[in-house]
Amino acid sequence: MSSAIEVSPTAEVVWDAVVLNGIDFDVRAGTIFSLLGPNGAGKTTTVNLLTALTKADGGTARVAGHDIATEAKAVRARIGVTGQFAAVDELLTGYENLQLMVDLKRGGADRRVVEDLLERFDLVESARKPASTYSGGMRRKLDLAMTLVGDPRIIFLDEPTTGLDPRSRRTMWSIIRDLVADGVTIFLTTQYLEEADQLADRVAVLDQGRLVAQGTPTSSSA
């Protein structure tokens, strides 16, 4: 199985403090890799690094076969990113949010893409309502649906279930599993041990910018 993401020892320095120090891992294509750790561990910084939003001070990383430092544009063209907070326009309806992404990524005139995503994420009934009226779980689903407009094969989910109720969390888990079943690679950050255990093929534990354990959910190795 080929690697979707490869990271060799890397450090990121911000405000004279080492945020990431010597992280090293490999994510196989078509799997779920979970980066587990508490707030402030460096999970979001890792996502920003791998999505070419932040530059590393050392080491190398490749995403979808492209170097994040020298081929940032190619990396961004092949990935999808969902942050800790749903990036939806609350003044627009669910349909309009998705259509906006289609216009930006596909040049518009592709109405079926929007309708398919609304159906896939069970948002048809609320499609014509402003996103401001959506529950937290619905906003998360809409945000992820918007990420899929460009049909990325690698998706970064930065704590996608934080703040969701148990039912919404299970719904998000089901969506993530369906994506992987379609061959998508998922890089998932989370604070929840149960979430990593339920979803991930491999787990890495990040603490104060260092990987302290890595392995399968049932047998992580320090």
N, C-alpha and C. Protein backbone atom coordinates (compact mmCIF):
# COMPACT_ATOMS: atom_id res chain seq x y z
N MET A 1 0.85 -1.19 0.00
CA MET A 1 0.00 0.00 0.00
C MET A 1 0.88 1.25 0.00
N SER A 2 0.58 2.20 -0.84
CA SER A 2 1.39 3.40 -0.95
C SER A 2 1.14 4.36 0.20
N SER A 3 2.08 5.28 0.40
CA SER A 3 1.95 6.28 1.46
C SER A 3 1.27 7.52 0.92
N ALA A 4 0.27 8.01 1.66
CA ALA A 4 -0.38 9.25 1.30
C ALA A 4 0.33 10.44 1.94
N ILE A 5 0.88 10.21 3.14
CA ILE A 5 1.58 11.25 3.89
C ILE A 5 2.84 10.67 4.49
N GLU A 6 3.97 11.34 4.31
CA GLU A 6 5.24 10.90 4.89
C GLU A 6 5.88 12.09 5.58
N VAL A 7 6.24 11.91 6.84
CA VAL A 7 6.87 12.98 7.61
C VAL A 7 8.12 12.45 8.26
N SER A 8 9.25 13.14 8.04
CA SER A 8 10.49 12.81 8.73
C SER A 8 10.74 13.88 9.78
N PRO A 9 11.66 13.64 10.72
CA PRO A 9 11.81 14.55 11.87
C PRO A 9 11.73 16.02 11.51
N THR A 10 10.77 16.69 12.12
CA THR A 10 10.43 18.05 11.77
C THR A 10 10.26 18.89 13.01
N ALA A 11 10.69 20.14 13.00
CA ALA A 11 10.46 21.04 14.13
C ALA A 11 9.85 22.33 13.62
N GLU A 12 8.92 22.87 14.36
CA GLU A 12 8.31 24.15 14.03
C GLU A 12 8.52 25.08 15.21
N VAL A 13 9.13 26.24 14.98
CA VAL A 13 9.43 27.15 16.07
C VAL A 13 8.54 28.39 15.97
N VAL A 14 7.85 28.70 17.03
CA VAL A 14 6.98 29.87 17.09
C VAL A 14 7.26 30.62 18.38
N TRP A 15 7.53 31.90 18.26
CA TRP A 15 7.77 32.74 19.44
C TRP A 15 8.85 32.14 20.37
N ASP A 16 9.91 31.62 19.75
CA ASP A 16 11.04 31.04 20.49
C ASP A 16 10.67 29.80 21.29
N ALA A 17 9.50 29.22 21.06
CA ALA A 17 9.12 27.97 21.73
C ALA A 17 8.97 26.88 20.68
N VAL A 18 9.48 25.70 20.98
CA VAL A 18 9.37 24.59 20.04
C VAL A 18 7.97 24.00 20.14
N VAL A 19 7.21 24.10 19.06
CA VAL A 19 5.85 23.60 19.05
C VAL A 19 5.82 22.14 18.60
N LEU A 20 6.61 21.81 17.59
CA LEU A 20 6.77 20.43 17.14
C LEU A 20 8.25 20.09 17.15
N ASN A 21 8.58 18.90 17.62
CA ASN A 21 9.99 18.56 17.74
C ASN A 21 10.21 17.10 17.35
N GLY A 22 10.76 16.89 16.16
CA GLY A 22 11.14 15.55 15.75
C GLY A 22 10.01 14.59 15.49
N ILE A 23 8.89 15.07 14.95
CA ILE A 23 7.80 14.14 14.64
C ILE A 23 8.14 13.34 13.39
N ASP A 24 7.74 12.08 13.38
CA ASP A 24 8.11 11.18 12.31
C ASP A 24 7.03 10.11 12.17
N PHE A 25 6.30 10.11 11.05
CA PHE A 25 5.27 9.09 10.86
C PHE A 25 4.96 8.94 9.37
N ASP A 26 4.19 7.89 9.08
CA ASP A 26 3.82 7.57 7.71
C ASP A 26 2.34 7.18 7.70
N VAL A 27 1.57 7.75 6.78
CA VAL A 27 0.14 7.45 6.69
C VAL A 27 -0.12 6.71 5.39
N ARG A 28 -0.64 5.50 5.48
CA ARG A 28 -0.92 4.71 4.30
C ARG A 28 -2.20 5.20 3.61
N ALA A 29 -2.20 5.14 2.30
CA ALA A 29 -3.35 5.56 1.51
C ALA A 29 -4.57 4.71 1.86
N GLY A 30 -5.73 5.36 1.92
CA GLY A 30 -6.97 4.65 2.17
C GLY A 30 -7.18 4.22 3.61
N THR A 31 -6.48 4.85 4.55
CA THR A 31 -6.61 4.52 5.96
C THR A 31 -6.95 5.77 6.77
N ILE A 32 -7.27 5.54 8.05
CA ILE A 32 -7.49 6.64 8.99
C ILE A 32 -6.31 6.69 9.95
N PHE A 33 -5.62 7.80 9.98
CA PHE A 33 -4.51 8.03 10.91
C PHE A 33 -4.97 9.08 11.91
N SER A 34 -4.90 8.75 13.19
CA SER A 34 -5.36 9.68 14.22
C SER A 34 -4.19 10.23 15.03
N LEU A 35 -4.14 11.54 15.14
CA LEU A 35 -3.16 12.21 15.99
C LEU A 35 -3.89 12.62 17.26
N LEU A 36 -3.56 11.94 18.36
CA LEU A 36 -4.27 12.09 19.62
C LEU A 36 -3.44 12.91 20.60
N GLY A 37 -4.11 13.85 21.27
CA GLY A 37 -3.38 14.64 22.27
C GLY A 37 -4.26 15.71 22.87
N PRO A 38 -3.85 16.27 24.01
CA PRO A 38 -4.63 17.31 24.68
C PRO A 38 -4.50 18.65 23.98
N ASN A 39 -5.27 19.62 24.43
CA ASN A 39 -5.13 20.98 23.91
C ASN A 39 -3.70 21.46 24.10
N GLY A 40 -3.16 22.12 23.07
CA GLY A 40 -1.82 22.66 23.16
C GLY A 40 -0.71 21.68 22.85
N ALA A 41 -1.08 20.46 22.45
CA ALA A 41 -0.06 19.44 22.18
C ALA A 41 0.68 19.70 20.87
N GLY A 42 0.02 20.43 19.95
CA GLY A 42 0.63 20.70 18.65
C GLY A 42 -0.11 20.06 17.49
N LYS A 43 -1.33 19.58 17.74
CA LYS A 43 -2.09 18.88 16.69
C LYS A 43 -2.44 19.82 15.53
N THR A 44 -2.98 20.99 15.85
CA THR A 44 -3.37 21.93 14.79
C THR A 44 -2.15 22.43 14.04
N THR A 45 -1.05 22.64 14.74
CA THR A 45 0.19 23.05 14.08
C THR A 45 0.64 21.99 13.09
N THR A 46 0.49 20.72 13.46
CA THR A 46 0.84 19.63 12.55
C THR A 46 -0.02 19.67 11.30
N VAL A 47 -1.33 19.89 11.47
CA VAL A 47 -2.23 20.00 10.33
C VAL A 47 -1.83 21.18 9.46
N ASN A 48 -1.55 22.32 10.07
CA ASN A 48 -1.15 23.51 9.31
C ASN A 48 0.14 23.25 8.53
N LEU A 49 1.04 22.49 9.14
CA LEU A 49 2.30 22.15 8.48
C LEU A 49 2.05 21.27 7.26
N LEU A 50 1.25 20.23 7.42
CA LEU A 50 1.04 19.26 6.34
C LEU A 50 0.14 19.79 5.23
N THR A 51 -0.63 20.82 5.52
CA THR A 51 -1.48 21.43 4.49
C THR A 51 -0.83 22.66 3.87
N ALA A 52 0.46 22.82 4.15
CA ALA A 52 1.27 23.90 3.55
C ALA A 52 0.81 25.29 3.97
N LEU A 53 0.21 25.39 5.16
CA LEU A 53 -0.17 26.69 5.69
C LEU A 53 0.91 27.27 6.60
N THR A 54 1.78 26.40 7.09
CA THR A 54 2.86 26.81 7.98
C THR A 54 4.15 26.17 7.49
N LYS A 55 5.26 26.90 7.58
CA LYS A 55 6.55 26.37 7.16
C LYS A 55 7.28 25.75 8.34
N ALA A 56 7.94 24.63 8.05
CA ALA A 56 8.76 23.97 9.07
C ALA A 56 10.15 24.55 9.08
N ASP A 57 10.81 24.48 10.22
CA ASP A 57 12.19 24.95 10.34
C ASP A 57 13.19 23.86 10.00
N GLY A 58 12.71 22.61 9.94
CA GLY A 58 13.61 21.51 9.61
C GLY A 58 12.82 20.28 9.24
N GLY A 59 13.52 19.28 8.72
CA GLY A 59 12.85 18.05 8.34
C GLY A 59 12.13 18.18 7.01
N THR A 60 11.48 17.10 6.60
CA THR A 60 10.75 17.09 5.33
C THR A 60 9.41 16.39 5.52
N ALA A 61 8.48 16.71 4.64
CA ALA A 61 7.18 16.03 4.64
C ALA A 61 6.64 16.03 3.22
N ARG A 62 6.00 14.93 2.85
CA ARG A 62 5.39 14.79 1.54
C ARG A 62 3.93 14.40 1.71
N VAL A 63 3.07 15.05 0.97
CA VAL A 63 1.64 14.76 0.99
C VAL A 63 1.20 14.49 -0.44
N ALA A 64 0.57 13.34 -0.67
CA ALA A 64 0.17 12.92 -2.01
C ALA A 64 1.36 12.92 -2.97
N GLY A 65 2.53 12.59 -2.42
CA GLY A 65 3.74 12.50 -3.24
C GLY A 65 4.43 13.82 -3.49
N HIS A 66 3.93 14.91 -2.91
CA HIS A 66 4.50 16.24 -3.17
C HIS A 66 5.13 16.82 -1.90
N ASP A 67 6.27 17.45 -2.07
CA ASP A 67 6.96 18.09 -0.96
C ASP A 67 6.19 19.33 -0.52
N ILE A 68 5.90 19.43 0.77
CA ILE A 68 5.07 20.54 1.26
C ILE A 68 5.79 21.88 1.16
N ALA A 69 7.12 21.86 1.13
CA ALA A 69 7.87 23.11 1.08
C ALA A 69 8.03 23.64 -0.34
N THR A 70 8.29 22.75 -1.29
CA THR A 70 8.59 23.17 -2.66
C THR A 70 7.42 22.99 -3.63
N GLU A 71 6.40 22.22 -3.21
CA GLU A 71 5.26 21.96 -4.09
C GLU A 71 3.95 22.22 -3.36
N ALA A 72 3.91 23.33 -2.63
CA ALA A 72 2.74 23.64 -1.80
C ALA A 72 1.45 23.72 -2.61
N LYS A 73 1.51 24.31 -3.79
CA LYS A 73 0.31 24.45 -4.62
C LYS A 73 -0.23 23.09 -5.03
N ALA A 74 0.64 22.17 -5.38
CA ALA A 74 0.22 20.82 -5.77
C ALA A 74 -0.39 20.08 -4.58
N VAL A 75 0.18 20.30 -3.39
CA VAL A 75 -0.37 19.68 -2.18
C VAL A 75 -1.79 20.17 -1.94
N ARG A 76 -1.98 21.48 -1.98
CA ARG A 76 -3.30 22.06 -1.68
C ARG A 76 -4.36 21.62 -2.70
N ALA A 77 -3.92 21.35 -3.93
CA ALA A 77 -4.86 20.94 -4.97
C ALA A 77 -5.38 19.52 -4.75
N ARG A 78 -4.72 18.76 -3.91
CA ARG A 78 -5.07 17.35 -3.74
C ARG A 78 -5.67 17.01 -2.38
N ILE A 79 -5.82 18.01 -1.53
CA ILE A 79 -6.30 17.74 -0.18
C ILE A 79 -7.58 18.52 0.14
N GLY A 80 -8.24 18.09 1.20
CA GLY A 80 -9.35 18.84 1.77
C GLY A 80 -9.07 19.04 3.24
N VAL A 81 -9.53 20.16 3.80
CA VAL A 81 -9.24 20.47 5.20
C VAL A 81 -10.51 20.97 5.89
N THR A 82 -10.81 20.35 7.02
CA THR A 82 -11.90 20.82 7.87
C THR A 82 -11.32 21.17 9.22
N GLY A 83 -11.44 22.44 9.61
CA GLY A 83 -10.83 22.91 10.85
C GLY A 83 -11.67 22.62 12.08
N GLN A 84 -11.23 23.15 13.22
CA GLN A 84 -11.91 22.90 14.49
C GLN A 84 -13.28 23.56 14.53
N PHE A 85 -13.46 24.62 13.75
CA PHE A 85 -14.73 25.33 13.73
C PHE A 85 -15.27 25.34 12.30
N ALA A 86 -16.55 25.03 12.18
CA ALA A 86 -17.17 24.94 10.86
C ALA A 86 -17.02 26.25 10.09
N ALA A 87 -16.42 26.17 8.91
CA ALA A 87 -16.15 27.36 8.10
C ALA A 87 -17.28 27.58 7.10
N VAL A 88 -18.48 27.79 7.61
CA VAL A 88 -19.63 28.04 6.74
C VAL A 88 -20.06 29.49 6.86
N ASP A 89 -20.66 30.02 5.82
CA ASP A 89 -21.18 31.38 5.84
C ASP A 89 -22.60 31.32 6.39
N GLU A 90 -22.81 31.86 7.58
CA GLU A 90 -24.10 31.74 8.25
C GLU A 90 -25.20 32.53 7.57
N LEU A 91 -24.84 33.50 6.73
CA LEU A 91 -25.85 34.29 6.04
C LEU A 91 -26.39 33.57 4.80
N LEU A 92 -25.67 32.56 4.35
CA LEU A 92 -26.09 31.79 3.19
C LEU A 92 -26.81 30.52 3.63
N THR A 93 -27.62 29.99 2.76
CA THR A 93 -28.26 28.70 3.02
C THR A 93 -27.24 27.58 2.83
N GLY A 94 -27.62 26.38 3.24
CA GLY A 94 -26.74 25.25 3.02
C GLY A 94 -26.46 25.06 1.54
N TYR A 95 -27.50 25.16 0.72
CA TYR A 95 -27.34 25.02 -0.73
C TYR A 95 -26.38 26.08 -1.27
N GLU A 96 -26.55 27.32 -0.82
CA GLU A 96 -25.71 28.41 -1.33
C GLU A 96 -24.25 28.24 -0.90
N ASN A 97 -24.01 27.74 0.31
CA ASN A 97 -22.65 27.48 0.75
C ASN A 97 -21.97 26.46 -0.16
N LEU A 98 -22.69 25.39 -0.48
CA LEU A 98 -22.12 24.38 -1.35
C LEU A 98 -21.94 24.90 -2.78
N GLN A 99 -22.90 25.66 -3.27
CA GLN A 99 -22.79 26.21 -4.62
C GLN A 99 -21.61 27.17 -4.72
N LEU A 100 -21.35 27.91 -3.65
CA LEU A 100 -20.20 28.81 -3.63
C LEU A 100 -18.90 28.03 -3.81
N MET A 101 -18.79 26.89 -3.14
CA MET A 101 -17.59 26.06 -3.28
C MET A 101 -17.48 25.48 -4.68
N VAL A 102 -18.60 25.08 -5.26
CA VAL A 102 -18.59 24.58 -6.63
C VAL A 102 -18.12 25.67 -7.59
N ASP A 103 -18.61 26.89 -7.39
CA ASP A 103 -18.20 28.01 -8.25
C ASP A 103 -16.70 28.27 -8.15
N LEU A 104 -16.16 28.15 -6.93
CA LEU A 104 -14.74 28.44 -6.70
C LEU A 104 -13.84 27.32 -7.22
N LYS A 105 -14.27 26.06 -7.03
CA LYS A 105 -13.40 24.93 -7.36
C LYS A 105 -13.67 24.32 -8.72
N ARG A 106 -14.89 24.48 -9.22
CA ARG A 106 -15.25 23.81 -10.47
C ARG A 106 -15.73 24.78 -11.54
N GLY A 107 -15.74 26.05 -11.22
CA GLY A 107 -16.18 27.02 -12.20
C GLY A 107 -17.69 27.07 -12.37
N GLY A 108 -18.43 26.51 -11.38
CA GLY A 108 -19.89 26.57 -11.42
C GLY A 108 -20.50 25.62 -12.43
N ALA A 109 -21.80 25.84 -12.70
CA ALA A 109 -22.55 25.08 -13.71
C ALA A 109 -22.54 23.57 -13.45
N ASP A 110 -22.51 23.18 -12.18
CA ASP A 110 -22.49 21.76 -11.83
C ASP A 110 -23.46 21.54 -10.68
N ARG A 111 -24.72 21.75 -10.96
CA ARG A 111 -25.76 21.69 -9.94
C ARG A 111 -25.88 20.32 -9.30
N ARG A 112 -25.62 19.29 -10.06
CA ARG A 112 -25.78 17.94 -9.54
C ARG A 112 -24.82 17.65 -8.39
N VAL A 113 -23.64 18.25 -8.41
CA VAL A 113 -22.67 18.07 -7.32
C VAL A 113 -23.28 18.52 -6.01
N VAL A 114 -23.92 19.68 -6.02
CA VAL A 114 -24.54 20.22 -4.80
C VAL A 114 -25.65 19.29 -4.33
N GLU A 115 -26.50 18.87 -5.24
CA GLU A 115 -27.63 18.01 -4.86
C GLU A 115 -27.15 16.66 -4.32
N ASP A 116 -26.11 16.11 -4.92
CA ASP A 116 -25.57 14.83 -4.45
C ASP A 116 -25.02 14.95 -3.03
N LEU A 117 -24.31 16.04 -2.76
CA LEU A 117 -23.73 16.24 -1.43
C LEU A 117 -24.80 16.48 -0.37
N LEU A 118 -25.83 17.22 -0.73
CA LEU A 118 -26.94 17.44 0.21
C LEU A 118 -27.60 16.12 0.57
N GLU A 119 -27.76 15.25 -0.40
CA GLU A 119 -28.35 13.94 -0.15
C GLU A 119 -27.41 13.08 0.69
N ARG A 120 -26.15 13.09 0.34
CA ARG A 120 -25.17 12.25 1.04
C ARG A 120 -25.07 12.59 2.52
N PHE A 121 -25.19 13.87 2.83
CA PHE A 121 -25.03 14.31 4.22
C PHE A 121 -26.37 14.59 4.91
N ASP A 122 -27.45 14.13 4.29
CA ASP A 122 -28.78 14.24 4.89
C ASP A 122 -29.12 15.69 5.23
N LEU A 123 -28.88 16.58 4.26
CA LEU A 123 -29.14 18.01 4.46
C LEU A 123 -30.20 18.54 3.49
N VAL A 124 -30.91 17.67 2.80
CA VAL A 124 -31.86 18.10 1.78
C VAL A 124 -32.97 18.97 2.39
N GLU A 125 -33.53 18.54 3.51
CA GLU A 125 -34.65 19.27 4.10
C GLU A 125 -34.25 20.65 4.61
N SER A 126 -33.01 20.81 4.99
CA SER A 126 -32.54 22.10 5.52
C SER A 126 -31.76 22.91 4.50
N ALA A 127 -31.69 22.44 3.25
CA ALA A 127 -30.84 23.04 2.24
C ALA A 127 -31.16 24.51 1.98
N ARG A 128 -32.44 24.89 2.07
CA ARG A 128 -32.84 26.26 1.75
C ARG A 128 -32.92 27.16 2.99
N LYS A 129 -32.47 26.64 4.12
CA LYS A 129 -32.47 27.44 5.35
C LYS A 129 -31.09 28.06 5.59
N PRO A 130 -31.03 29.25 6.21
CA PRO A 130 -29.73 29.85 6.50
C PRO A 130 -28.90 28.94 7.40
N ALA A 131 -27.61 28.90 7.18
CA ALA A 131 -26.73 28.07 8.00
C ALA A 131 -26.75 28.50 9.47
N SER A 132 -27.14 29.75 9.72
CA SER A 132 -27.22 30.24 11.10
C SER A 132 -28.26 29.49 11.92
N THR A 133 -29.20 28.82 11.24
CA THR A 133 -30.25 28.07 11.95
C THR A 133 -29.85 26.61 12.18
N TYR A 134 -28.69 26.20 11.69
CA TYR A 134 -28.26 24.81 11.79
C TYR A 134 -27.73 24.50 13.19
N SER A 135 -27.90 23.26 13.62
CA SER A 135 -27.29 22.80 14.85
C SER A 135 -25.79 22.62 14.62
N GLY A 136 -25.05 22.39 15.71
CA GLY A 136 -23.61 22.18 15.58
C GLY A 136 -23.28 21.00 14.69
N GLY A 137 -24.04 19.91 14.85
CA GLY A 137 -23.79 18.74 14.02
C GLY A 137 -24.08 18.99 12.56
N MET A 138 -25.14 19.74 12.27
CA MET A 138 -25.47 20.05 10.88
C MET A 138 -24.42 20.94 10.25
N ARG A 139 -23.90 21.89 11.02
CA ARG A 139 -22.84 22.76 10.48
C ARG A 139 -21.60 21.95 10.16
N ARG A 140 -21.28 20.99 11.04
CA ARG A 140 -20.12 20.13 10.79
C ARG A 140 -20.31 19.33 9.50
N LYS A 141 -21.49 18.80 9.31
CA LYS A 141 -21.76 18.02 8.11
C LYS A 141 -21.67 18.90 6.87
N LEU A 142 -22.21 20.11 6.95
CA LEU A 142 -22.13 21.03 5.82
C LEU A 142 -20.69 21.40 5.52
N ASP A 143 -19.91 21.64 6.57
CA ASP A 143 -18.51 22.00 6.41
C ASP A 143 -17.75 20.88 5.70
N LEU A 144 -17.99 19.65 6.11
CA LEU A 144 -17.31 18.52 5.49
C LEU A 144 -17.79 18.32 4.05
N ALA A 145 -19.08 18.53 3.82
CA ALA A 145 -19.61 18.43 2.46
C ALA A 145 -18.92 19.45 1.55
N MET A 146 -18.72 20.66 2.05
CA MET A 146 -18.03 21.70 1.27
C MET A 146 -16.59 21.28 0.96
N THR A 147 -15.95 20.60 1.90
CA THR A 147 -14.58 20.13 1.70
C THR A 147 -14.51 19.12 0.57
N LEU A 148 -15.58 18.36 0.37
CA LEU A 148 -15.58 17.29 -0.63
C LEU A 148 -15.86 17.77 -2.05
N VAL A 149 -16.19 19.03 -2.23
CA VAL A 149 -16.53 19.54 -3.56
C VAL A 149 -15.43 19.27 -4.57
N GLY A 150 -14.19 19.44 -4.17
CA GLY A 150 -13.09 19.22 -5.10
C GLY A 150 -12.65 17.77 -5.22
N ASP A 151 -13.40 16.84 -4.60
CA ASP A 151 -13.10 15.41 -4.64
C ASP A 151 -11.67 15.11 -4.19
N PRO A 152 -11.25 15.61 -3.01
CA PRO A 152 -9.90 15.34 -2.52
C PRO A 152 -9.77 13.89 -2.10
N ARG A 153 -8.58 13.32 -2.27
CA ARG A 153 -8.34 11.93 -1.86
C ARG A 153 -7.65 11.87 -0.50
N ILE A 154 -7.23 13.00 0.02
CA ILE A 154 -6.67 13.08 1.37
C ILE A 154 -7.40 14.21 2.09
N ILE A 155 -7.97 13.90 3.26
CA ILE A 155 -8.73 14.90 4.00
C ILE A 155 -8.17 15.02 5.41
N PHE A 156 -7.92 16.25 5.82
CA PHE A 156 -7.46 16.55 7.17
C PHE A 156 -8.65 17.03 7.99
N LEU A 157 -8.95 16.32 9.07
CA LEU A 157 -10.04 16.68 9.97
C LEU A 157 -9.45 17.05 11.32
N ASP A 158 -9.49 18.34 11.65
CA ASP A 158 -8.90 18.82 12.89
C ASP A 158 -9.98 18.90 13.97
N GLU A 159 -10.00 17.89 14.84
CA GLU A 159 -10.97 17.79 15.93
C GLU A 159 -12.40 18.03 15.43
N PRO A 160 -12.87 17.23 14.49
CA PRO A 160 -14.16 17.47 13.84
C PRO A 160 -15.38 17.27 14.74
N THR A 161 -15.22 16.57 15.87
CA THR A 161 -16.40 16.30 16.71
C THR A 161 -16.38 17.07 18.03
N THR A 162 -15.42 17.96 18.20
CA THR A 162 -15.37 18.75 19.44
C THR A 162 -16.64 19.57 19.60
N GLY A 163 -17.29 19.45 20.76
CA GLY A 163 -18.49 20.22 21.04
C GLY A 163 -19.77 19.60 20.55
N LEU A 164 -19.69 18.46 19.86
CA LEU A 164 -20.90 17.82 19.36
C LEU A 164 -21.51 16.90 20.42
N ASP A 165 -22.82 16.73 20.34
CA ASP A 165 -23.49 15.79 21.23
C ASP A 165 -23.20 14.37 20.75
N PRO A 166 -23.44 13.36 21.61
CA PRO A 166 -23.10 11.97 21.25
C PRO A 166 -23.71 11.50 19.94
N ARG A 167 -24.96 11.88 19.66
CA ARG A 167 -25.60 11.44 18.42
C ARG A 167 -24.90 12.04 17.20
N SER A 168 -24.61 13.33 17.26
CA SER A 168 -23.93 13.99 16.14
C SER A 168 -22.52 13.43 15.95
N ARG A 169 -21.87 13.09 17.07
CA ARG A 169 -20.53 12.52 16.98
C ARG A 169 -20.57 11.18 16.26
N ARG A 170 -21.55 10.34 16.59
CA ARG A 170 -21.65 9.03 15.93
C ARG A 170 -21.97 9.19 14.45
N THR A 171 -22.78 10.21 14.12
CA THR A 171 -23.08 10.48 12.71
C THR A 171 -21.81 10.85 11.96
N MET A 172 -20.98 11.69 12.57
CA MET A 172 -19.73 12.08 11.94
C MET A 172 -18.80 10.89 11.78
N TRP A 173 -18.78 10.01 12.76
CA TRP A 173 -17.96 8.79 12.65
C TRP A 173 -18.40 7.96 11.44
N SER A 174 -19.70 7.84 11.26
CA SER A 174 -20.24 7.06 10.15
C SER A 174 -19.83 7.66 8.81
N ILE A 175 -19.88 9.00 8.72
CA ILE A 175 -19.48 9.68 7.49
C ILE A 175 -18.00 9.45 7.20
N ILE A 176 -17.18 9.52 8.23
CA ILE A 176 -15.73 9.31 8.07
C ILE A 176 -15.46 7.89 7.58
N ARG A 177 -16.14 6.91 8.15
CA ARG A 177 -15.96 5.52 7.71
C ARG A 177 -16.36 5.35 6.25
N ASP A 178 -17.45 6.01 5.85
CA ASP A 178 -17.91 5.92 4.46
C ASP A 178 -16.88 6.51 3.50
N LEU A 179 -16.24 7.60 3.90
CA LEU A 179 -15.22 8.23 3.07
C LEU A 179 -14.05 7.27 2.84
N VAL A 180 -13.61 6.62 3.91
CA VAL A 180 -12.50 5.68 3.79
C VAL A 180 -12.89 4.48 2.94
N ALA A 181 -14.13 4.05 3.05
CA ALA A 181 -14.61 2.95 2.23
C ALA A 181 -14.55 3.30 0.74
N ASP A 182 -14.63 4.61 0.44
CA ASP A 182 -14.52 5.08 -0.94
C ASP A 182 -13.07 5.30 -1.37
N GLY A 183 -12.12 4.98 -0.48
CA GLY A 183 -10.71 5.10 -0.83
C GLY A 183 -10.03 6.38 -0.40
N VAL A 184 -10.73 7.21 0.37
CA VAL A 184 -10.15 8.48 0.85
C VAL A 184 -9.24 8.21 2.05
N THR A 185 -8.15 8.94 2.14
CA THR A 185 -7.26 8.88 3.30
C THR A 185 -7.66 9.98 4.28
N ILE A 186 -7.77 9.62 5.56
CA ILE A 186 -8.18 10.58 6.58
C ILE A 186 -7.06 10.80 7.59
N PHE A 187 -6.69 12.06 7.80
CA PHE A 187 -5.77 12.45 8.88
C PHE A 187 -6.62 13.16 9.92
N LEU A 188 -6.83 12.50 11.05
CA LEU A 188 -7.77 12.96 12.06
C LEU A 188 -7.05 13.37 13.34
N THR A 189 -7.29 14.58 13.82
CA THR A 189 -6.79 14.95 15.14
C THR A 189 -7.95 14.92 16.12
N THR A 190 -7.67 14.52 17.33
CA THR A 190 -8.73 14.42 18.33
C THR A 190 -8.16 14.46 19.74
N GLN A 191 -9.01 14.87 20.68
CA GLN A 191 -8.66 14.80 22.10
C GLN A 191 -9.24 13.54 22.75
N TYR A 192 -10.09 12.84 21.98
CA TYR A 192 -10.86 11.75 22.56
C TYR A 192 -10.24 10.39 22.25
N LEU A 193 -9.83 9.68 23.29
CA LEU A 193 -9.25 8.35 23.13
C LEU A 193 -10.25 7.40 22.48
N GLU A 194 -11.52 7.49 22.89
CA GLU A 194 -12.55 6.62 22.32
C GLU A 194 -12.67 6.83 20.82
N GLU A 195 -12.59 8.08 20.37
CA GLU A 195 -12.73 8.38 18.95
C GLU A 195 -11.59 7.76 18.15
N ALA A 196 -10.37 7.91 18.65
CA ALA A 196 -9.22 7.32 17.98
C ALA A 196 -9.34 5.80 17.95
N ASP A 197 -9.81 5.22 19.05
CA ASP A 197 -9.95 3.78 19.16
C ASP A 197 -11.01 3.25 18.19
N GLN A 198 -12.11 3.99 18.05
CA GLN A 198 -13.21 3.57 17.20
C GLN A 198 -12.89 3.70 15.71
N LEU A 199 -12.12 4.72 15.34
CA LEU A 199 -11.97 5.05 13.93
C LEU A 199 -10.62 4.67 13.31
N ALA A 200 -9.56 4.84 14.04
CA ALA A 200 -8.23 4.86 13.41
C ALA A 200 -7.65 3.47 13.14
N ASP A 201 -6.94 3.38 12.02
CA ASP A 201 -6.11 2.21 11.73
C ASP A 201 -4.79 2.31 12.49
N ARG A 202 -4.28 3.54 12.59
CA ARG A 202 -3.08 3.79 13.39
C ARG A 202 -3.27 5.07 14.18
N VAL A 203 -2.64 5.11 15.35
CA VAL A 203 -2.74 6.25 16.25
C VAL A 203 -1.34 6.71 16.64
N ALA A 204 -1.13 8.03 16.66
CA ALA A 204 0.08 8.61 17.22
C ALA A 204 -0.33 9.55 18.34
N VAL A 205 0.36 9.46 19.46
CA VAL A 205 0.04 10.31 20.62
C VAL A 205 1.05 11.45 20.67
N LEU A 206 0.54 12.67 20.65
CA LEU A 206 1.37 13.87 20.65
C LEU A 206 1.26 14.57 21.99
N ASP A 207 2.38 14.88 22.60
CA ASP A 207 2.40 15.57 23.89
C ASP A 207 3.50 16.60 23.90
N GLN A 208 3.12 17.86 24.07
CA GLN A 208 4.08 18.97 24.10
C GLN A 208 5.02 18.95 22.89
N GLY A 209 4.42 18.69 21.71
CA GLY A 209 5.17 18.76 20.47
C GLY A 209 5.99 17.55 20.12
N ARG A 210 5.91 16.49 20.93
CA ARG A 210 6.67 15.26 20.66
C ARG A 210 5.73 14.07 20.54
N LEU A 211 6.07 13.16 19.64
CA LEU A 211 5.33 11.91 19.55
C LEU A 211 5.83 10.98 20.66
N VAL A 212 4.93 10.60 21.56
CA VAL A 212 5.34 9.76 22.69
C VAL A 212 4.90 8.31 22.53
N ALA A 213 4.02 8.04 21.57
CA ALA A 213 3.61 6.67 21.27
C ALA A 213 3.02 6.62 19.87
N GLN A 214 3.13 5.45 19.26
CA GLN A 214 2.60 5.29 17.90
C GLN A 214 2.34 3.81 17.63
N GLY A 215 1.19 3.50 17.04
CA GLY A 215 0.87 2.12 16.72
C GLY A 215 -0.59 1.96 16.40
N THR A 216 -1.09 0.71 16.50
CA THR A 216 -2.51 0.47 16.31
C THR A 216 -3.26 0.92 17.57
N PRO A 217 -4.56 1.15 17.48
CA PRO A 217 -5.31 1.60 18.65
C PRO A 217 -5.17 0.69 19.86
N THR A 218 -5.02 -0.61 19.64
CA THR A 218 -4.93 -1.56 20.75
C THR A 218 -3.52 -1.82 21.24
N SER A 219 -2.53 -1.36 20.43
CA SER A 219 -1.14 -1.66 20.82
C SER A 219 -0.20 -0.55 20.39
N SER A 220 -0.44 0.69 20.87
CA SER A 220 0.47 1.79 20.54
C SER A 220 1.80 1.55 21.20
N SER A 221 2.88 1.84 20.45
CA SER A 221 4.22 1.63 20.98
C SER A 221 4.89 2.94 21.26
N ALA A 222 5.51 3.04 22.43
CA ALA A 222 6.20 4.27 22.81
C ALA A 222 7.51 4.39 22.07
